[in-house]
Amino acid sequence: TEKVPSLAGQRREKVGIRIPEFETTLALLKALGAPFLSSTVRMEHGPIDPLAIARWYHGRVDGVVDGGTIVPRVTSVVDLSEGSLKVIREGVGPVNFFRSM
């Protein structure tokens, strides 16, 4: 929908929508009963530690969800904006679901 970029505060024609598989995120989505805006935190090397993120971004973010330390994985990215599937990056997350659309 054309409303998504403006709702997300973006001045872009396209935005990415993530479909999570992480249990903590799914539980938060269920509790809220609505989508929410988030950002991926990129750390230099190794696992992502929520306590390190909280220290690094102290005073610059509203909150950090502590779902435990995780090892980053490359996710799949698909573009459906032109009416057909274009796989931008294949990683974690099946793209076959979108191929059947």
Protein backbone atom coordinates (compact mmCIF):
# COMPACT_ATOMS: atom_id res chain seq x y z
CA THR A 1 0.00 0.00 0.00
CA GLU A 2 1.13 3.55 -0.61
CA LYS A 3 0.44 4.40 3.06
CA VAL A 4 3.28 2.28 4.47
CA PRO A 5 6.23 4.60 3.66
CA SER A 6 4.50 7.65 5.12
CA LEU A 7 3.42 5.73 8.23
CA ALA A 8 7.02 4.60 8.68
CA GLY A 9 8.26 8.19 8.38
CA GLN A 10 10.14 7.43 5.18
CA ARG A 11 10.44 9.54 2.07
CA ARG A 12 10.88 6.49 -0.10
CA GLU A 13 8.64 4.78 -2.58
CA LYS A 14 9.47 1.36 -1.11
CA VAL A 15 9.98 0.01 2.39
CA GLY A 16 10.97 -3.42 3.61
CA ILE A 17 8.63 -5.50 5.72
CA ARG A 18 10.16 -8.22 7.87
CA ILE A 19 8.33 -11.41 8.72
CA PRO A 20 10.03 -12.61 11.91
CA GLU A 21 10.66 -16.12 13.11
CA PHE A 22 12.27 -15.07 16.41
CA GLU A 23 10.01 -16.13 19.29
CA THR A 24 10.54 -12.96 21.35
CA THR A 25 9.51 -10.75 18.41
CA LEU A 26 6.49 -12.93 17.62
CA ALA A 27 5.36 -12.77 21.28
CA LEU A 28 5.72 -8.97 21.27
CA LEU A 29 3.71 -8.68 18.04
CA LYS A 30 1.00 -10.89 19.50
CA ALA A 31 0.86 -8.87 22.73
CA LEU A 32 0.67 -5.56 20.85
CA GLY A 33 -1.84 -6.82 18.33
CA ALA A 34 -0.34 -4.50 15.73
CA PRO A 35 2.81 -4.11 13.64
CA PHE A 36 5.66 -2.00 14.96
CA LEU A 37 8.63 -0.17 13.52
CA SER A 38 12.07 -1.49 14.35
CA SER A 39 15.59 -1.34 13.05
CA THR A 40 18.31 -3.95 12.71
CA VAL A 41 21.33 -3.25 14.86
CA ARG A 42 24.61 -4.06 13.24
CA MET A 43 27.50 -4.93 15.53
CA GLU A 44 31.10 -5.11 14.30
CA HIS A 45 31.73 -8.83 14.86
CA GLY A 46 30.18 -11.88 16.41
CA PRO A 47 27.00 -12.35 18.44
CA ILE A 48 24.55 -9.55 19.10
CA ASP A 49 24.39 -8.90 22.84
CA PRO A 50 21.37 -6.87 24.01
CA LEU A 51 23.27 -5.46 27.01
CA ALA A 52 26.05 -4.18 24.73
CA ILE A 53 23.42 -2.64 22.45
CA ALA A 54 21.73 -0.93 25.42
CA ARG A 55 25.09 0.53 26.53
CA TRP A 56 26.10 1.59 23.01
CA TYR A 57 22.76 3.27 22.20
CA HIS A 58 22.02 4.61 25.70
CA GLY A 59 19.95 7.78 25.42
CA ARG A 60 19.52 7.38 21.65
CA VAL A 61 16.80 4.71 21.52
CA ASP A 62 13.54 4.25 23.37
CA GLY A 63 14.27 0.67 24.35
CA VAL A 64 16.03 -2.59 23.66
CA VAL A 65 14.23 -5.93 23.76
CA ASP A 66 16.41 -8.50 25.53
CA GLY A 67 15.72 -11.78 23.77
CA GLY A 68 19.15 -13.12 24.64
CA THR A 69 22.39 -13.08 22.72
CA ILE A 70 21.95 -14.14 19.09
CA VAL A 71 24.28 -14.90 16.21
CA PRO A 72 23.42 -12.72 13.21
CA ARG A 73 22.21 -14.47 10.06
CA VAL A 74 21.84 -13.14 6.54
CA THR A 75 18.13 -12.90 5.76
CA SER A 76 16.30 -13.27 2.47
CA VAL A 77 15.12 -10.14 0.70
CA VAL A 78 12.50 -10.16 -2.05
CA ASP A 79 11.03 -7.31 -4.06
CA LEU A 80 7.32 -7.57 -4.91
CA SER A 81 6.85 -3.92 -5.88
CA GLU A 82 6.65 -4.50 -9.63
CA GLY A 83 3.94 -7.17 -9.44
CA SER A 84 6.34 -10.09 -9.79
CA LEU A 85 8.96 -11.70 -7.58
CA LYS A 86 12.55 -10.51 -7.71
CA VAL A 87 14.90 -12.21 -5.23
CA ILE A 88 17.34 -9.54 -4.05
CA ARG A 89 19.16 -11.77 -1.55
CA GLU A 90 18.56 -15.39 -0.57
CA GLY A 91 19.45 -16.29 3.01
CA VAL A 92 17.54 -17.38 6.09
CA GLY A 93 13.85 -17.39 5.32
CA PRO A 94 12.25 -19.36 2.53
CA VAL A 95 11.64 -17.47 -0.70
CA ASN A 96 9.64 -20.36 -2.17
CA PHE A 97 6.55 -19.03 -0.38
CA PHE A 98 6.72 -15.90 -2.54
CA ARG A 99 7.42 -17.85 -5.71
CA SER A 100 4.01 -19.50 -5.38
CA MET A 101 2.22 -16.14 -5.38
